Amino acid sequence: MKHIRIRIIGSKHPPVQLQIQEGTRSCDVLAHLKAKLNWLSDSWVLASASDPSTYFRSKENLYDKIEDQDKLIVLSNYDAARITFKKLFPLTQSFLEGMK
């Protein structure tokens, strides 16, 4: 069993602490949070708090990818894509700003 702490970006809800077992997938954790919080939609992803551009695919075995006591975040698909884009293409932001 591993213990994780999950913060939901843009929410005033306190971080959620979960205990997961081998075979737990990212979609399992999101489904649990959706049921517990009663507002989380399907357009959210689970990511590493230390590197938000590293998010876990829905059917990916989360247990194998994290360590005990890891901190994770839940963010919208839009925010995940924006963070990843900025990481992959850091010069694009300044280029686009120069075109204004």
Protein backbone atom coordinates (compact mmCIF):
# COMPACT_ATOMS: atom_id res chain seq x y z
CA MET A 1 0.00 0.00 0.00
CA LYS A 2 1.11 3.53 -0.79
CA HIS A 3 -0.17 6.77 0.67
CA ILE A 4 -0.66 9.77 -1.60
CA ARG A 5 -1.84 13.32 -1.07
CA ILE A 6 -3.85 14.98 -3.83
CA ARG A 7 -4.54 18.68 -4.26
CA ILE A 8 -7.17 19.85 -6.73
CA ILE A 9 -6.03 22.91 -8.62
CA GLY A 10 -8.58 25.73 -8.51
CA SER A 11 -10.48 24.23 -5.58
CA LYS A 12 -10.77 25.41 -2.01
CA HIS A 13 -11.18 21.80 -0.94
CA PRO A 14 -8.35 20.66 1.35
CA PRO A 15 -5.91 18.08 -0.05
CA VAL A 16 -7.27 14.55 -0.13
CA GLN A 17 -5.22 11.73 1.35
CA LEU A 18 -5.64 8.30 -0.17
CA GLN A 19 -4.16 4.88 0.30
CA ILE A 20 -3.78 2.95 -2.94
CA GLN A 21 -2.88 -0.64 -3.66
CA GLU A 22 -1.06 -2.38 -6.46
CA GLY A 23 -2.94 -2.20 -9.73
CA THR A 24 -4.57 1.17 -9.00
CA ARG A 25 -4.90 3.24 -12.17
CA SER A 26 -5.16 6.97 -12.58
CA CYS A 27 -8.80 6.64 -13.67
CA ASP A 28 -9.57 4.74 -10.44
CA VAL A 29 -8.28 7.63 -8.33
CA LEU A 30 -10.16 10.20 -10.42
CA ALA A 31 -13.39 8.15 -10.15
CA HIS A 32 -12.96 8.01 -6.37
CA LEU A 33 -12.44 11.78 -6.19
CA LYS A 34 -15.42 12.39 -8.47
CA ALA A 35 -17.66 10.34 -6.17
CA LYS A 36 -16.24 11.88 -3.00
CA LEU A 37 -16.30 15.51 -4.10
CA ASN A 38 -19.46 15.29 -6.20
CA TRP A 39 -18.33 17.90 -8.75
CA LEU A 40 -15.25 16.64 -10.56
CA SER A 41 -16.01 16.16 -14.26
CA ASP A 42 -14.40 13.79 -16.75
CA SER A 43 -12.15 16.49 -18.14
CA TRP A 44 -9.53 16.31 -15.38
CA VAL A 45 -6.15 14.59 -15.19
CA LEU A 46 -3.87 13.46 -12.40
CA ALA A 47 -0.31 14.82 -12.44
CA SER A 48 2.82 14.91 -10.34
CA ALA A 49 2.92 17.97 -8.07
CA SER A 50 6.67 18.27 -8.58
CA ASP A 51 6.28 18.34 -12.39
CA PRO A 52 2.72 19.14 -13.51
CA SER A 53 3.66 18.52 -17.14
CA THR A 54 4.05 14.86 -16.20
CA TYR A 55 0.51 13.62 -16.02
CA PHE A 56 -0.71 10.06 -15.83
CA ARG A 57 -2.74 8.50 -18.61
CA SER A 58 -6.16 7.25 -17.59
CA LYS A 59 -5.47 3.50 -17.77
CA GLU A 60 -1.85 3.79 -16.62
CA ASN A 61 -0.88 1.81 -13.52
CA LEU A 62 -0.40 4.64 -11.05
CA TYR A 63 0.94 2.43 -8.28
CA ASP A 64 4.09 1.57 -10.27
CA LYS A 65 4.74 5.21 -11.24
CA ILE A 66 4.69 6.83 -7.80
CA GLU A 67 6.40 6.49 -4.45
CA ASP A 68 4.84 6.29 -1.01
CA GLN A 69 3.92 9.77 0.30
CA ASP A 70 4.00 11.36 -3.18
CA LYS A 71 2.06 14.55 -3.73
CA LEU A 72 -0.15 14.71 -6.80
CA ILE A 73 -2.45 17.31 -8.29
CA VAL A 74 -5.66 17.17 -10.26
CA LEU A 75 -5.92 19.71 -13.05
CA SER A 76 -8.12 20.28 -16.06
CA ASN A 77 -7.20 18.83 -19.44
CA TYR A 78 -6.84 22.40 -20.69
CA ASP A 79 -4.34 23.34 -17.95
CA ALA A 80 -2.40 20.10 -18.46
CA ALA A 81 -2.09 20.77 -22.20
CA ARG A 82 -1.07 24.40 -21.58
CA ILE A 83 1.65 23.41 -19.09
CA THR A 84 2.98 20.69 -21.38
CA PHE A 85 3.01 23.04 -24.38
CA LYS A 86 4.98 25.66 -22.45
CA LYS A 87 7.49 23.04 -21.33
CA LEU A 88 7.97 21.60 -24.82
CA PHE A 89 8.02 24.93 -26.62
CA PRO A 90 9.42 27.56 -24.25
CA LEU A 91 10.27 30.02 -27.01
CA THR A 92 6.78 29.97 -28.48
CA GLN A 93 5.36 32.09 -25.66
CA SER A 94 7.81 34.96 -26.22
CA PHE A 95 7.42 34.65 -30.00
CA LEU A 96 3.65 34.93 -29.78
CA GLU A 97 3.86 37.86 -27.38
CA GLY A 98 6.16 39.66 -29.84
CA MET A 99 3.52 39.36 -32.56
CA LYS A 100 0.95 41.45 -30.64
